[in-house]
N, C-alpha and C. Protein backbone atom coordinates (compact mmCIF):
# COMPACT_ATOMS: atom_id res chain seq x y z
N UNK A 1 13.58 15.24 15.84
CA UNK A 1 13.53 13.78 15.83
C UNK A 1 14.32 13.30 14.63
N UNK A 2 15.17 12.32 14.83
CA UNK A 2 16.01 11.81 13.75
C UNK A 2 15.24 10.83 12.88
N UNK A 3 15.80 10.56 11.71
CA UNK A 3 15.17 9.61 10.79
C UNK A 3 15.13 8.22 11.41
N UNK A 4 16.19 7.83 12.14
CA UNK A 4 16.21 6.51 12.76
C UNK A 4 15.11 6.36 13.80
N UNK A 5 14.82 7.42 14.55
CA UNK A 5 13.76 7.34 15.54
C UNK A 5 12.40 7.17 14.87
N UNK A 6 12.21 7.86 13.73
CA UNK A 6 10.94 7.72 13.01
C UNK A 6 10.82 6.30 12.48
N UNK A 7 11.90 5.78 11.90
CA UNK A 7 11.87 4.42 11.36
C UNK A 7 11.59 3.42 12.46
N UNK A 8 12.18 3.61 13.63
CA UNK A 8 11.96 2.69 14.74
C UNK A 8 10.48 2.70 15.14
N UNK A 9 9.89 3.89 15.19
CA UNK A 9 8.48 3.97 15.55
C UNK A 9 7.61 3.27 14.52
N UNK A 10 7.94 3.41 13.24
CA UNK A 10 7.18 2.75 12.18
C UNK A 10 7.31 1.23 12.31
N UNK A 11 8.50 0.76 12.58
CA UNK A 11 8.71 -0.69 12.72
C UNK A 11 7.95 -1.20 13.93
N UNK A 12 7.99 -0.46 15.03
CA UNK A 12 7.24 -0.86 16.22
C UNK A 12 5.75 -0.97 15.91
N UNK A 13 5.22 -0.02 15.15
CA UNK A 13 3.79 -0.03 14.80
C UNK A 13 3.45 -1.24 13.93
N UNK A 14 4.31 -1.53 12.95
CA UNK A 14 4.07 -2.68 12.07
C UNK A 14 4.14 -3.97 12.86
N UNK A 15 5.12 -4.08 13.76
CA UNK A 15 5.25 -5.29 14.57
C UNK A 15 4.08 -5.44 15.54
N UNK A 16 3.56 -4.33 16.02
CA UNK A 16 2.39 -4.40 16.91
C UNK A 16 1.17 -4.89 16.14
N UNK A 17 1.00 -4.41 14.90
CA UNK A 17 -0.11 -4.92 14.08
C UNK A 17 0.05 -6.41 13.82
N UNK A 18 1.27 -6.83 13.52
CA UNK A 18 1.54 -8.26 13.29
C UNK A 18 1.18 -9.06 14.54
N UNK A 19 1.59 -8.59 15.70
CA UNK A 19 1.33 -9.30 16.95
C UNK A 19 -0.17 -9.43 17.20
N UNK A 20 -0.91 -8.33 17.03
CA UNK A 20 -2.36 -8.38 17.26
C UNK A 20 -3.03 -9.34 16.28
N UNK A 21 -2.58 -9.35 15.04
CA UNK A 21 -3.10 -10.30 14.06
C UNK A 21 -2.78 -11.73 14.48
N UNK A 22 -1.55 -11.98 14.90
CA UNK A 22 -1.15 -13.35 15.25
C UNK A 22 -1.88 -13.86 16.49
N UNK A 23 -2.26 -12.97 17.39
CA UNK A 23 -2.96 -13.39 18.60
C UNK A 23 -4.44 -13.63 18.35
N UNK A 24 -4.95 -13.17 17.22
CA UNK A 24 -6.36 -13.37 16.89
C UNK A 24 -6.61 -14.71 16.22
N UNK A 25 -5.56 -15.45 15.91
CA UNK A 25 -5.70 -16.73 15.24
C UNK A 25 -6.43 -17.72 16.14
N UNK A 26 -7.41 -18.40 15.57
CA UNK A 26 -8.12 -19.45 16.29
C UNK A 26 -8.13 -20.70 15.42
N UNK A 27 -7.51 -21.76 15.88
CA UNK A 27 -7.49 -22.97 15.05
C UNK A 27 -8.89 -23.56 14.92
N UNK A 28 -9.15 -24.17 13.78
CA UNK A 28 -10.44 -24.81 13.55
C UNK A 28 -10.37 -26.24 14.10
N UNK A 29 -10.98 -26.45 15.23
CA UNK A 29 -10.98 -27.75 15.86
C UNK A 29 -12.38 -28.36 15.79
N UNK A 30 -12.46 -29.65 15.63
CA UNK A 30 -13.76 -30.32 15.64
C UNK A 30 -14.55 -30.03 14.39
N UNK A 31 -15.84 -29.91 14.56
CA UNK A 31 -16.74 -29.70 13.44
C UNK A 31 -16.85 -28.22 13.11
N UNK A 32 -17.14 -27.93 11.87
CA UNK A 32 -17.32 -26.55 11.44
C UNK A 32 -18.53 -25.92 12.09
N UNK A 33 -18.56 -24.62 12.09
CA UNK A 33 -19.67 -23.89 12.72
C UNK A 33 -20.82 -23.65 11.77
N UNK A 34 -20.61 -24.00 10.50
CA UNK A 34 -21.66 -23.74 9.51
C UNK A 34 -21.85 -24.95 8.62
N UNK A 35 -23.03 -25.04 8.10
CA UNK A 35 -23.32 -26.08 7.12
C UNK A 35 -22.46 -25.86 5.88
N UNK A 36 -22.08 -26.94 5.23
CA UNK A 36 -21.27 -26.83 4.02
C UNK A 36 -21.98 -26.00 2.96
N UNK A 37 -23.30 -26.03 2.94
CA UNK A 37 -24.04 -25.27 1.93
C UNK A 37 -24.04 -23.77 2.20
N UNK A 38 -23.77 -23.36 3.43
CA UNK A 38 -23.83 -21.94 3.78
C UNK A 38 -22.46 -21.39 4.19
N UNK A 39 -21.43 -22.19 4.13
CA UNK A 39 -20.12 -21.81 4.65
C UNK A 39 -19.57 -20.53 4.03
N UNK A 40 -19.72 -20.33 2.74
CA UNK A 40 -19.12 -19.17 2.07
C UNK A 40 -20.09 -18.00 1.91
N UNK A 41 -21.23 -18.05 2.57
CA UNK A 41 -22.20 -16.97 2.48
C UNK A 41 -21.63 -15.71 3.12
N UNK A 42 -21.76 -14.60 2.43
CA UNK A 42 -21.34 -13.31 2.97
C UNK A 42 -22.49 -12.33 2.78
N UNK A 43 -22.83 -11.67 3.85
CA UNK A 43 -23.91 -10.70 3.79
C UNK A 43 -23.44 -9.46 3.04
N UNK A 44 -24.34 -8.79 2.41
CA UNK A 44 -24.03 -7.57 1.67
C UNK A 44 -23.55 -6.48 2.63
N UNK A 45 -22.62 -5.68 2.18
CA UNK A 45 -22.13 -4.56 2.99
C UNK A 45 -23.09 -3.38 2.99
N UNK A 46 -24.16 -3.44 2.19
CA UNK A 46 -25.05 -2.29 2.08
C UNK A 46 -25.75 -1.95 3.39
N UNK A 47 -25.87 -2.90 4.30
CA UNK A 47 -26.57 -2.65 5.56
C UNK A 47 -25.62 -2.26 6.68
N UNK A 48 -24.33 -2.21 6.40
CA UNK A 48 -23.36 -1.85 7.43
C UNK A 48 -23.28 -0.33 7.58
N UNK A 49 -23.08 0.12 8.81
CA UNK A 49 -22.85 1.55 8.99
C UNK A 49 -21.34 1.81 8.90
N UNK A 50 -20.94 3.06 9.01
CA UNK A 50 -19.53 3.40 8.82
C UNK A 50 -18.63 2.74 9.86
N UNK A 51 -19.08 2.61 11.08
CA UNK A 51 -18.27 1.96 12.11
C UNK A 51 -18.02 0.49 11.78
N UNK A 52 -19.06 -0.21 11.31
CA UNK A 52 -18.90 -1.62 10.93
C UNK A 52 -17.95 -1.76 9.75
N UNK A 53 -18.12 -0.91 8.75
CA UNK A 53 -17.24 -0.96 7.58
C UNK A 53 -15.80 -0.64 7.97
N UNK A 54 -15.62 0.32 8.85
CA UNK A 54 -14.29 0.70 9.32
C UNK A 54 -13.63 -0.47 10.05
N UNK A 55 -14.42 -1.18 10.84
CA UNK A 55 -13.90 -2.34 11.55
C UNK A 55 -13.49 -3.45 10.58
N UNK A 56 -14.27 -3.67 9.55
CA UNK A 56 -13.93 -4.67 8.54
C UNK A 56 -12.64 -4.30 7.82
N UNK A 57 -12.52 -3.04 7.44
CA UNK A 57 -11.31 -2.58 6.74
C UNK A 57 -10.10 -2.70 7.66
N UNK A 58 -10.23 -2.30 8.93
CA UNK A 58 -9.12 -2.43 9.87
C UNK A 58 -8.69 -3.88 10.02
N UNK A 59 -9.64 -4.79 10.12
CA UNK A 59 -9.33 -6.21 10.25
C UNK A 59 -8.62 -6.73 9.01
N UNK A 60 -9.08 -6.29 7.83
CA UNK A 60 -8.43 -6.72 6.59
C UNK A 60 -7.01 -6.17 6.47
N UNK A 61 -6.81 -4.91 6.87
CA UNK A 61 -5.47 -4.33 6.84
C UNK A 61 -4.54 -5.03 7.82
N UNK A 62 -5.04 -5.33 9.01
CA UNK A 62 -4.23 -6.03 10.01
C UNK A 62 -3.86 -7.42 9.50
N UNK A 63 -4.80 -8.09 8.85
CA UNK A 63 -4.53 -9.42 8.30
C UNK A 63 -3.49 -9.36 7.20
N UNK A 64 -3.60 -8.36 6.33
CA UNK A 64 -2.62 -8.22 5.24
C UNK A 64 -1.23 -7.94 5.81
N UNK A 65 -1.16 -7.08 6.81
CA UNK A 65 0.12 -6.78 7.44
C UNK A 65 0.67 -8.02 8.13
N UNK A 66 -0.17 -8.71 8.87
CA UNK A 66 0.27 -9.91 9.58
C UNK A 66 0.78 -10.98 8.65
N UNK A 67 0.08 -11.20 7.55
CA UNK A 67 0.49 -12.22 6.59
C UNK A 67 1.79 -11.85 5.88
N UNK A 68 2.06 -10.55 5.75
CA UNK A 68 3.31 -10.11 5.12
C UNK A 68 4.48 -10.17 6.09
N UNK A 69 4.23 -9.86 7.36
CA UNK A 69 5.30 -9.79 8.36
C UNK A 69 5.66 -11.17 8.90
N UNK A 70 4.71 -12.06 9.02
CA UNK A 70 4.95 -13.36 9.65
C UNK A 70 6.12 -14.13 9.03
N UNK A 71 6.23 -14.24 7.71
CA UNK A 71 7.38 -14.96 7.15
C UNK A 71 8.71 -14.30 7.48
N UNK A 72 8.71 -12.97 7.60
CA UNK A 72 9.93 -12.27 7.97
C UNK A 72 10.34 -12.58 9.40
N UNK A 73 9.37 -12.64 10.28
CA UNK A 73 9.64 -12.97 11.69
C UNK A 73 10.22 -14.38 11.78
N UNK A 74 9.69 -15.29 10.99
CA UNK A 74 10.14 -16.68 11.04
C UNK A 74 11.59 -16.85 10.59
N UNK A 75 12.13 -15.88 9.84
CA UNK A 75 13.52 -15.97 9.41
C UNK A 75 14.50 -15.54 10.49
N UNK A 76 14.01 -14.90 11.55
CA UNK A 76 14.88 -14.43 12.62
C UNK A 76 15.36 -15.59 13.49
N UNK A 77 16.47 -15.38 14.15
CA UNK A 77 16.95 -16.38 15.12
C UNK A 77 16.00 -16.41 16.31
N UNK A 78 16.10 -17.45 17.11
CA UNK A 78 15.24 -17.59 18.28
C UNK A 78 15.40 -16.42 19.24
N UNK A 79 16.63 -15.99 19.48
CA UNK A 79 16.87 -14.87 20.39
C UNK A 79 16.18 -13.60 19.89
N UNK A 80 16.24 -13.37 18.58
CA UNK A 80 15.59 -12.19 18.02
C UNK A 80 14.07 -12.30 18.07
N UNK A 81 13.52 -13.48 17.80
CA UNK A 81 12.07 -13.67 17.86
C UNK A 81 11.55 -13.46 19.28
N UNK A 82 12.28 -13.97 20.27
CA UNK A 82 11.87 -13.78 21.66
C UNK A 82 11.94 -12.31 22.03
N UNK A 83 12.96 -11.62 21.57
CA UNK A 83 13.09 -10.19 21.85
C UNK A 83 11.94 -9.40 21.22
N UNK A 84 11.58 -9.74 19.99
CA UNK A 84 10.46 -9.06 19.32
C UNK A 84 9.17 -9.32 20.08
N UNK A 85 8.89 -10.57 20.41
CA UNK A 85 7.65 -10.89 21.13
C UNK A 85 7.60 -10.18 22.48
N UNK A 86 8.70 -10.15 23.21
CA UNK A 86 8.72 -9.51 24.51
C UNK A 86 8.45 -8.01 24.37
N UNK A 87 9.12 -7.36 23.43
CA UNK A 87 8.94 -5.91 23.25
C UNK A 87 7.52 -5.58 22.81
N UNK A 88 7.01 -6.33 21.86
CA UNK A 88 5.68 -6.01 21.32
C UNK A 88 4.59 -6.30 22.35
N UNK A 89 4.75 -7.35 23.11
CA UNK A 89 3.77 -7.63 24.17
C UNK A 89 3.74 -6.48 25.17
N UNK A 90 4.89 -5.90 25.47
CA UNK A 90 4.94 -4.75 26.37
C UNK A 90 4.32 -3.51 25.73
N UNK A 91 4.50 -3.32 24.40
CA UNK A 91 3.84 -2.20 23.72
C UNK A 91 2.33 -2.31 23.85
N UNK A 92 1.81 -3.51 23.62
CA UNK A 92 0.36 -3.73 23.68
C UNK A 92 -0.14 -3.54 25.12
N UNK A 93 0.64 -3.99 26.11
CA UNK A 93 0.24 -3.84 27.51
C UNK A 93 0.33 -2.39 27.97
N UNK A 94 1.18 -1.59 27.31
CA UNK A 94 1.33 -0.19 27.70
C UNK A 94 2.29 0.02 28.85
N UNK A 95 2.98 -1.03 29.25
CA UNK A 95 3.96 -0.95 30.35
C UNK A 95 4.90 -2.14 30.23
N UNK A 96 6.00 -2.07 30.98
CA UNK A 96 6.92 -3.21 30.98
C UNK A 96 6.37 -4.25 31.94
N UNK A 97 5.68 -5.21 31.37
CA UNK A 97 5.04 -6.28 32.13
C UNK A 97 5.78 -7.59 31.90
N UNK A 98 6.24 -7.78 30.67
CA UNK A 98 6.87 -9.04 30.28
C UNK A 98 8.38 -8.88 30.23
N UNK A 99 9.07 -9.93 30.63
CA UNK A 99 10.53 -9.95 30.61
C UNK A 99 11.00 -11.06 29.69
N UNK A 100 12.12 -10.85 29.06
CA UNK A 100 12.72 -11.84 28.18
C UNK A 100 13.27 -12.98 29.04
N UNK A 101 12.70 -14.17 28.94
CA UNK A 101 13.13 -15.27 29.80
C UNK A 101 14.49 -15.86 29.40
N UNK A 102 14.89 -15.69 28.16
CA UNK A 102 16.14 -16.28 27.67
C UNK A 102 17.34 -15.41 27.91
N UNK A 103 17.22 -14.13 27.63
CA UNK A 103 18.37 -13.23 27.78
C UNK A 103 17.91 -11.83 28.16
N UNK A 104 17.51 -11.65 29.42
CA UNK A 104 16.99 -10.34 29.84
C UNK A 104 18.04 -9.22 29.72
N UNK A 105 19.30 -9.55 29.88
CA UNK A 105 20.34 -8.53 29.82
C UNK A 105 20.53 -7.97 28.42
N UNK A 106 20.22 -8.76 27.41
CA UNK A 106 20.43 -8.31 26.02
C UNK A 106 19.11 -8.03 25.29
N UNK A 107 18.01 -7.91 25.99
CA UNK A 107 16.70 -7.69 25.37
C UNK A 107 16.72 -6.49 24.43
N UNK A 108 17.17 -5.34 24.91
CA UNK A 108 17.13 -4.14 24.09
C UNK A 108 18.03 -4.27 22.86
N UNK A 109 19.22 -4.82 23.04
CA UNK A 109 20.15 -5.00 21.92
C UNK A 109 19.60 -6.01 20.92
N UNK A 110 19.03 -7.09 21.42
CA UNK A 110 18.45 -8.10 20.51
C UNK A 110 17.27 -7.54 19.74
N UNK A 111 16.45 -6.73 20.39
CA UNK A 111 15.29 -6.14 19.71
C UNK A 111 15.75 -5.14 18.65
N UNK A 112 16.72 -4.33 18.99
CA UNK A 112 17.26 -3.36 18.01
C UNK A 112 17.86 -4.09 16.81
N UNK A 113 18.58 -5.16 17.05
CA UNK A 113 19.17 -5.95 15.97
C UNK A 113 18.08 -6.61 15.13
N UNK A 114 17.03 -7.12 15.76
CA UNK A 114 15.92 -7.74 15.03
C UNK A 114 15.25 -6.71 14.12
N UNK A 115 15.04 -5.49 14.61
CA UNK A 115 14.43 -4.45 13.79
C UNK A 115 15.34 -4.09 12.62
N UNK A 116 16.65 -4.06 12.86
CA UNK A 116 17.59 -3.78 11.78
C UNK A 116 17.53 -4.86 10.71
N UNK A 117 17.39 -6.12 11.14
CA UNK A 117 17.30 -7.23 10.20
C UNK A 117 15.96 -7.24 9.45
N UNK A 118 14.90 -6.82 10.10
CA UNK A 118 13.57 -6.83 9.49
C UNK A 118 13.33 -5.67 8.52
N UNK A 119 14.02 -4.57 8.75
CA UNK A 119 13.75 -3.34 7.99
C UNK A 119 13.79 -3.55 6.47
N UNK A 120 14.83 -4.17 5.89
CA UNK A 120 14.83 -4.32 4.42
C UNK A 120 13.62 -5.12 3.90
N UNK A 121 13.24 -6.15 4.59
CA UNK A 121 12.08 -6.95 4.17
C UNK A 121 10.78 -6.17 4.29
N UNK A 122 10.66 -5.37 5.34
CA UNK A 122 9.46 -4.55 5.52
C UNK A 122 9.36 -3.47 4.44
N UNK A 123 10.50 -2.90 4.08
CA UNK A 123 10.51 -1.90 2.99
C UNK A 123 10.17 -2.58 1.67
N UNK A 124 10.75 -3.76 1.43
CA UNK A 124 10.49 -4.48 0.18
C UNK A 124 9.01 -4.84 0.03
N UNK A 125 8.33 -5.11 1.14
CA UNK A 125 6.91 -5.47 1.09
C UNK A 125 5.99 -4.25 1.12
N UNK A 126 6.59 -3.07 1.15
CA UNK A 126 5.81 -1.82 1.11
C UNK A 126 5.18 -1.44 2.43
N UNK A 127 5.66 -2.00 3.53
CA UNK A 127 5.09 -1.71 4.84
C UNK A 127 5.77 -0.50 5.50
N UNK A 128 6.93 -0.15 5.01
CA UNK A 128 7.65 1.02 5.50
C UNK A 128 8.03 1.90 4.32
N UNK A 129 8.11 3.20 4.58
CA UNK A 129 8.49 4.13 3.52
C UNK A 129 9.97 4.31 3.38
């Protein structure tokens, strides 16, 4: 396996984490779900089992990755952003389900170019080795 193939797999994994983080966003509409006096209450982790703690850590890591990758994605051109979203949605689905509505003929080239453009920023943020 070449170094470029390994790098591509790493970038795909980081972009997949970013996508899953971005899809978990829920806007706060209407009234809050908690009283202002209890809003910042956090239960102690001492009662959590290893699975619960692991889930919390995974969520925090995904959030940190998403918050680091999102500004980089926003710097891409529209064609590159659409290519990234199309590719990553297919990774998450596990099959080619989604098609690029803007430029289906150049999807693979646009995605490869987007990854090339994102790589320096991902390395600078410590997300890639």
